[in-house]
């Protein structure tokens, strides 16, 4: 089986490349490195079943090889990134989705869209099941990401209904782990870098907002199972264990040995108050649920970041929330 994975040099995309290669597949990775890092794929140099293409998927893509699957993971994904790159985020969610759907249709390939829990916005239903339509501010600053993904879901389902394309949609909740960028602005990477540097951890609001954190290997396993399933409807993939941001800060302080107190900043516009997936569908249809405890996942992630902090002058970016 040969698959194309866009966003292949990103945090999640690079782990997905590894998983498909480990299962014996051929992989064509596509990335324009706007937020992805070549170092995430450096270990695959010379791999006989992997090829990397430098391309902006907002423009049409032509690959001179037969494909069995197309997985669209290209997009800025952290608040800092998509607030700094709003037009690019909207283009990769609209034009990029259109181009990758067309590529899949041309090859009669299975298509998987990486969507997000952000389609639920600041939810009024808790936890969030796939049947919930969300509470999104389309003209707020976060709308560039939320609406890009909602549009991408609508277009994916339109291709399924109008052209009979074999499609899958995964709604990914907060994921963390190795290969996160130290400066990507996400709460886990920010806290770890701040903890390792002995700096105050930046909390927005009073830190009572909640998130549910899934270790990257668990998320990738859920995505891989969904790709090979027969499930057409969107499926949540995330960890249903819910933590306040204050609780997360305390756990990271223990793992990093930090004693610095928190620094509180104003809550960003439209930052969700709660976020927790209902994973009943994933359990029933995929036989999937996460297995990595947050403390164990943080321990492994901190070890990864410790090497980066020792080798480089890395700093967190604290502009976008959680």
Protein backbone atom coordinates (compact mmCIF):
# COMPACT_ATOMS: atom_id res chain seq x y z
CA UNK A 1 0.00 0.00 0.00
CA UNK A 2 1.24 3.47 -0.89
CA UNK A 3 -0.10 6.57 0.87
CA UNK A 4 0.54 10.30 0.64
CA UNK A 5 0.63 12.23 3.93
CA UNK A 6 0.52 16.02 3.84
CA UNK A 7 2.07 17.86 6.77
CA UNK A 8 4.53 14.97 6.98
CA UNK A 9 7.25 17.00 8.70
CA UNK A 10 4.93 18.22 11.42
CA UNK A 11 4.64 16.95 14.98
CA UNK A 12 1.74 14.60 14.35
CA UNK A 13 2.38 13.99 10.65
CA UNK A 14 5.92 12.70 11.22
CA UNK A 15 4.71 10.18 13.78
CA UNK A 16 2.02 9.05 11.35
CA UNK A 17 4.67 8.56 8.65
CA UNK A 18 6.59 6.33 11.06
CA UNK A 19 3.50 4.26 11.82
CA UNK A 20 2.62 3.61 8.18
CA UNK A 21 6.22 2.70 7.39
CA UNK A 22 6.31 0.36 10.40
CA UNK A 23 3.25 -1.39 8.98
CA UNK A 24 5.08 -2.04 5.70
CA UNK A 25 3.55 0.74 3.59
CA UNK A 26 5.23 3.07 1.13
CA UNK A 27 4.84 6.73 2.09
CA UNK A 28 5.10 9.94 0.08
CA UNK A 29 5.43 12.81 2.56
CA UNK A 30 4.40 16.31 1.49
CA UNK A 31 5.32 19.47 3.40
CA UNK A 32 6.24 23.10 2.72
CA UNK A 33 7.94 23.41 6.15
CA UNK A 34 5.97 26.50 7.16
CA UNK A 35 5.58 24.94 10.61
CA UNK A 36 7.02 21.47 10.00
CA UNK A 37 10.66 20.64 10.74
CA UNK A 38 12.97 18.59 8.48
CA UNK A 39 14.59 17.19 11.63
CA UNK A 40 11.36 15.30 12.37
CA UNK A 41 12.06 13.16 9.31
CA UNK A 42 15.87 13.12 9.39
CA UNK A 43 15.89 9.54 10.68
CA UNK A 44 14.20 8.44 7.44
CA UNK A 45 16.91 9.69 5.08
CA UNK A 46 17.63 6.92 2.59
CA UNK A 47 14.61 4.86 3.66
CA UNK A 48 13.63 2.75 0.63
CA UNK A 49 9.88 3.19 1.18
CA UNK A 50 9.80 6.91 1.94
CA UNK A 51 9.95 9.96 -0.33
CA UNK A 52 9.61 13.59 0.75
CA UNK A 53 8.15 16.28 -1.53
CA UNK A 54 8.57 19.99 -0.75
CA UNK A 55 5.23 21.47 -1.80
CA UNK A 56 2.53 23.90 -0.65
CA UNK A 57 -0.64 21.83 -0.82
CA UNK A 58 -2.68 25.01 -1.33
CA UNK A 59 -1.49 24.57 -4.93
CA UNK A 60 -2.42 21.47 -6.97
CA UNK A 61 -0.17 18.48 -6.43
CA UNK A 62 0.80 15.93 -9.09
CA UNK A 63 2.61 12.80 -7.99
CA UNK A 64 3.97 10.43 -10.60
CA UNK A 65 3.00 7.36 -8.64
CA UNK A 66 -0.16 5.39 -7.89
CA UNK A 67 -1.69 6.06 -4.48
CA UNK A 68 -3.92 3.89 -2.34
CA UNK A 69 -4.50 6.53 0.32
CA UNK A 70 -4.28 10.28 0.94
CA UNK A 71 -4.10 11.65 4.50
CA UNK A 72 -4.42 15.43 4.81
CA UNK A 73 -2.58 16.67 7.92
CA UNK A 74 -1.10 19.90 6.58
CA UNK A 75 -2.07 22.97 8.61
CA UNK A 76 -0.77 25.29 11.29
CA UNK A 77 -2.23 23.70 14.42
CA UNK A 78 -1.24 25.72 17.48
CA UNK A 79 -2.97 28.99 18.40
CA UNK A 80 0.25 30.97 18.01
CA UNK A 81 0.83 29.57 14.53
CA UNK A 82 -2.63 30.04 13.10
CA UNK A 83 -2.99 33.50 14.63
CA UNK A 84 0.28 34.51 12.96
CA UNK A 85 -0.63 32.73 9.69
CA UNK A 86 -4.39 33.29 9.32
CA UNK A 87 -4.55 33.39 5.51
CA UNK A 88 -2.30 30.36 5.08
CA UNK A 89 -4.44 28.47 7.61
CA UNK A 90 -7.64 29.24 5.73
CA UNK A 91 -6.04 28.34 2.40
CA UNK A 92 -4.71 24.96 3.52
CA UNK A 93 -8.11 24.14 5.03
CA UNK A 94 -10.00 25.11 1.89
CA UNK A 95 -7.76 24.93 -1.18
CA UNK A 96 -5.52 22.29 0.39
CA UNK A 97 -8.49 20.08 1.22
CA UNK A 98 -9.90 20.56 -2.28
CA UNK A 99 -6.57 19.66 -3.88
CA UNK A 100 -6.01 16.57 -1.73
CA UNK A 101 -9.58 15.37 -2.27
CA UNK A 102 -9.02 15.75 -6.01
CA UNK A 103 -5.79 13.78 -5.73
CA UNK A 104 -7.58 10.98 -3.90
CA UNK A 105 -10.40 10.95 -6.44
CA UNK A 106 -7.93 10.78 -9.33
CA UNK A 107 -6.28 7.70 -7.81
CA UNK A 108 -9.51 6.24 -6.41
CA UNK A 109 -7.73 6.28 -3.09
CA UNK A 110 -9.06 6.31 0.46
CA UNK A 111 -9.01 9.79 2.00
CA UNK A 112 -8.54 10.76 5.65
CA UNK A 113 -8.98 14.33 6.85
CA UNK A 114 -7.29 15.51 10.03
CA UNK A 115 -9.94 17.64 11.68
CA UNK A 116 -9.89 18.93 15.23
CA UNK A 117 -11.77 19.37 18.48
CA UNK A 118 -11.75 23.07 17.59
CA UNK A 119 -14.80 22.44 15.39
CA UNK A 120 -16.71 22.37 18.71
CA UNK A 121 -15.51 25.89 19.56
CA UNK A 122 -16.22 26.96 23.14
CA UNK A 123 -18.58 24.05 23.74
CA UNK A 124 -21.97 24.27 25.44
CA UNK A 125 -22.16 20.46 25.59
CA UNK A 126 -19.70 18.57 27.79
CA UNK A 127 -18.08 16.17 27.04
CA UNK A 128 -18.27 16.67 23.29
CA UNK A 129 -19.79 13.87 21.16
CA UNK A 130 -19.47 13.78 17.39
CA UNK A 131 -23.17 14.68 17.12
CA UNK A 132 -22.58 18.12 18.68
CA UNK A 133 -22.48 20.89 16.06
CA UNK A 134 -20.34 23.25 18.11
CA UNK A 135 -20.27 26.86 19.31
CA UNK A 136 -17.80 28.67 17.04
CA UNK A 137 -17.31 32.41 16.55
CA UNK A 138 -16.72 32.60 12.78
CA UNK A 139 -15.36 36.16 12.87
CA UNK A 140 -13.17 35.87 15.97
CA UNK A 141 -9.39 35.46 15.70
CA UNK A 142 -9.58 31.70 16.32
CA UNK A 143 -12.19 31.35 13.58
CA UNK A 144 -9.49 31.08 10.92
CA UNK A 145 -8.60 27.62 12.24
CA UNK A 146 -12.03 26.52 13.48
CA UNK A 147 -13.86 27.44 10.30
CA UNK A 148 -11.10 26.12 8.04
CA UNK A 149 -11.54 22.71 9.61
CA UNK A 150 -15.34 22.89 9.59
CA UNK A 151 -15.23 23.77 5.89
CA UNK A 152 -12.77 20.93 5.28
CA UNK A 153 -15.17 18.47 6.93
CA UNK A 154 -18.07 19.75 4.79
CA UNK A 155 -16.05 19.42 1.59
CA UNK A 156 -14.87 15.94 2.53
CA UNK A 157 -18.44 14.78 3.06
CA UNK A 158 -19.50 16.48 -0.20
CA UNK A 159 -16.88 14.46 -2.11
CA UNK A 160 -18.08 11.32 -0.38
CA UNK A 161 -21.72 11.96 -1.30
CA UNK A 162 -21.23 13.46 -4.78
CA UNK A 163 -18.33 11.33 -6.03
CA UNK A 164 -18.53 8.22 -3.89
CA UNK A 165 -15.05 8.89 -2.47
CA UNK A 166 -14.03 6.61 0.38
CA UNK A 167 -13.48 9.13 3.18
CA UNK A 168 -12.64 9.28 6.89
CA UNK A 169 -12.64 12.26 9.29
CA UNK A 170 -10.77 12.29 12.60
CA UNK A 171 -11.42 15.01 15.17
CA UNK A 172 -8.17 15.23 17.10
CA UNK A 173 -8.13 16.55 20.67
CA UNK A 174 -5.09 18.06 22.41
CA UNK A 175 -2.09 15.87 21.62
CA UNK A 176 1.40 16.14 23.07
CA UNK A 177 4.69 14.23 22.96
CA UNK A 178 8.07 14.04 21.29
CA UNK A 179 8.74 16.22 18.23
CA UNK A 180 6.60 19.10 19.43
CA UNK A 181 8.31 22.38 18.61
CA UNK A 182 9.61 24.12 21.73
CA UNK A 183 8.25 27.43 20.46
CA UNK A 184 4.95 26.26 19.04
CA UNK A 185 2.91 28.04 21.72
CA UNK A 186 0.94 25.01 22.91
CA UNK A 187 0.40 24.72 26.62
CA UNK A 188 2.33 21.46 27.19
CA UNK A 189 5.44 22.56 25.29
CA UNK A 190 5.30 26.03 26.86
CA UNK A 191 5.08 24.66 30.39
CA UNK A 192 7.86 22.13 29.85
CA UNK A 193 10.29 24.66 28.38
CA UNK A 194 9.47 27.18 31.10
CA UNK A 195 9.88 24.50 33.78
CA UNK A 196 13.23 23.33 32.45
CA UNK A 197 14.49 26.90 32.27
CA UNK A 198 13.29 27.68 35.79
CA UNK A 199 10.88 30.33 34.51
CA UNK A 200 7.35 31.08 35.69
CA UNK A 201 4.71 29.07 33.86
CA UNK A 202 2.32 31.23 31.87
CA UNK A 203 -1.34 30.60 32.70
CA UNK A 204 -4.21 32.39 30.99
CA UNK A 205 -7.14 33.60 33.05
CA UNK A 206 -7.16 31.83 36.42
CA UNK A 207 -6.05 28.47 34.98
CA UNK A 208 -9.40 26.81 35.68
CA UNK A 209 -10.10 26.03 32.02
CA UNK A 210 -9.82 22.33 31.23
CA UNK A 211 -8.23 20.26 28.50
CA UNK A 212 -7.82 16.54 27.84
CA UNK A 213 -4.31 15.55 26.81
CA UNK A 214 -3.55 12.52 24.63
CA UNK A 215 -0.03 11.16 24.14
CA UNK A 216 1.02 11.18 20.49
CA UNK A 217 1.46 7.41 20.17
CA UNK A 218 -2.12 6.87 21.35
CA UNK A 219 -3.47 9.50 18.95
CA UNK A 220 -1.59 7.98 16.01
CA UNK A 221 -2.90 4.52 16.88
CA UNK A 222 -6.46 5.85 16.84
CA UNK A 223 -5.92 7.54 13.48
CA UNK A 224 -4.36 4.42 11.98
CA UNK A 225 -7.30 2.30 13.16
CA UNK A 226 -9.78 4.80 11.76
CA UNK A 227 -8.05 4.80 8.38
CA UNK A 228 -8.46 1.03 8.18
CA UNK A 229 -12.02 1.03 9.51
CA UNK A 230 -15.28 1.37 7.63
CA UNK A 231 -16.39 4.44 9.59
CA UNK A 232 -17.44 7.32 7.33
CA UNK A 233 -18.71 9.71 10.01
CA UNK A 234 -16.33 11.91 12.03
CA UNK A 235 -14.69 10.19 15.00
CA UNK A 236 -13.21 11.82 18.10
CA UNK A 237 -9.70 10.70 18.99
CA UNK A 238 -8.45 12.00 22.32
CA UNK A 239 -8.03 11.19 25.98
CA UNK A 240 -11.22 11.60 28.08
CA UNK A 241 -9.21 12.30 31.27
CA UNK A 242 -9.78 16.00 31.97
CA UNK A 243 -7.37 18.34 33.76
CA UNK A 244 -7.41 22.03 34.60
CA UNK A 245 -4.49 24.03 33.27
CA UNK A 246 -3.46 24.63 36.87
CA UNK A 247 -3.30 20.87 37.43
CA UNK A 248 -1.21 20.45 34.29
CA UNK A 249 1.20 23.14 35.49
CA UNK A 250 1.61 21.30 38.80
CA UNK A 251 2.39 18.01 37.05
CA UNK A 252 4.94 19.66 34.76
CA UNK A 253 6.57 21.40 37.73
CA UNK A 254 7.10 18.02 39.39
CA UNK A 255 8.55 16.44 36.24
CA UNK A 256 10.90 19.34 35.50
CA UNK A 257 11.83 20.08 39.12
CA UNK A 258 10.73 23.68 38.75
CA UNK A 259 9.93 25.80 41.78
CA UNK A 260 8.99 29.00 39.94
CA UNK A 261 5.49 30.26 40.59
CA UNK A 262 2.88 30.81 37.85
CA UNK A 263 2.44 34.01 35.86
CA UNK A 264 -1.16 34.87 35.02
CA UNK A 265 -2.07 36.63 31.77
CA UNK A 266 -5.47 37.70 30.38
CA UNK A 267 -7.53 34.95 28.79
CA UNK A 268 -7.32 35.10 24.96
CA UNK A 269 -10.45 35.82 22.93
CA UNK A 270 -12.72 32.77 22.48
CA UNK A 271 -10.41 30.46 24.44
CA UNK A 272 -12.61 27.43 25.28
CA UNK A 273 -13.53 27.01 28.94
CA UNK A 274 -13.71 23.21 28.73
CA UNK A 275 -12.61 20.50 26.32
CA UNK A 276 -13.12 16.76 26.75
CA UNK A 277 -13.90 14.15 24.10
CA UNK A 278 -16.67 11.62 24.22
CA UNK A 279 -14.82 8.63 22.73
CA UNK A 280 -17.69 6.16 22.80
CA UNK A 281 -17.70 5.90 19.01
CA UNK A 282 -13.94 5.23 18.87
CA UNK A 283 -14.31 2.51 21.50
CA UNK A 284 -17.21 0.86 19.67
CA UNK A 285 -16.09 1.15 16.05
CA UNK A 286 -12.30 1.13 16.35
CA UNK A 287 -11.75 -0.83 19.55
CA UNK A 288 -9.58 2.10 20.58
CA UNK A 289 -8.94 4.03 23.75
CA UNK A 290 -5.75 5.74 24.98
CA UNK A 291 -3.39 3.74 27.19
CA UNK A 292 -0.76 6.31 28.23
CA UNK A 293 -1.30 8.06 31.56
CA UNK A 294 -0.63 11.83 31.49
CA UNK A 295 2.16 11.52 34.05
CA UNK A 296 3.94 8.84 32.00
CA UNK A 297 3.47 10.80 28.79
CA UNK A 298 4.84 13.96 30.41
CA UNK A 299 7.85 12.06 31.73
CA UNK A 300 8.73 10.92 28.20
CA UNK A 301 8.04 14.34 26.71
CA UNK A 302 10.10 16.17 29.33
CA UNK A 303 13.07 13.87 28.60
CA UNK A 304 12.83 14.82 24.93
CA UNK A 305 12.62 18.55 25.66
CA UNK A 306 15.42 18.40 28.20
CA UNK A 307 17.84 17.45 25.43
CA UNK A 308 16.60 20.30 23.23
CA UNK A 309 16.86 22.89 25.98
CA UNK A 310 20.40 21.76 26.81
CA UNK A 311 21.46 21.92 23.17
CA UNK A 312 19.70 25.12 22.07
CA UNK A 313 18.48 28.45 23.41
CA UNK A 314 14.79 27.60 23.04
CA UNK A 315 12.02 29.75 24.41
CA UNK A 316 8.26 29.33 24.59
CA UNK A 317 5.81 31.55 22.74
CA UNK A 318 2.94 32.76 24.90
CA UNK A 319 0.50 34.57 22.67
CA UNK A 320 -2.30 32.21 21.85
CA UNK A 321 -3.81 30.30 24.76
CA UNK A 322 -4.44 26.58 24.95
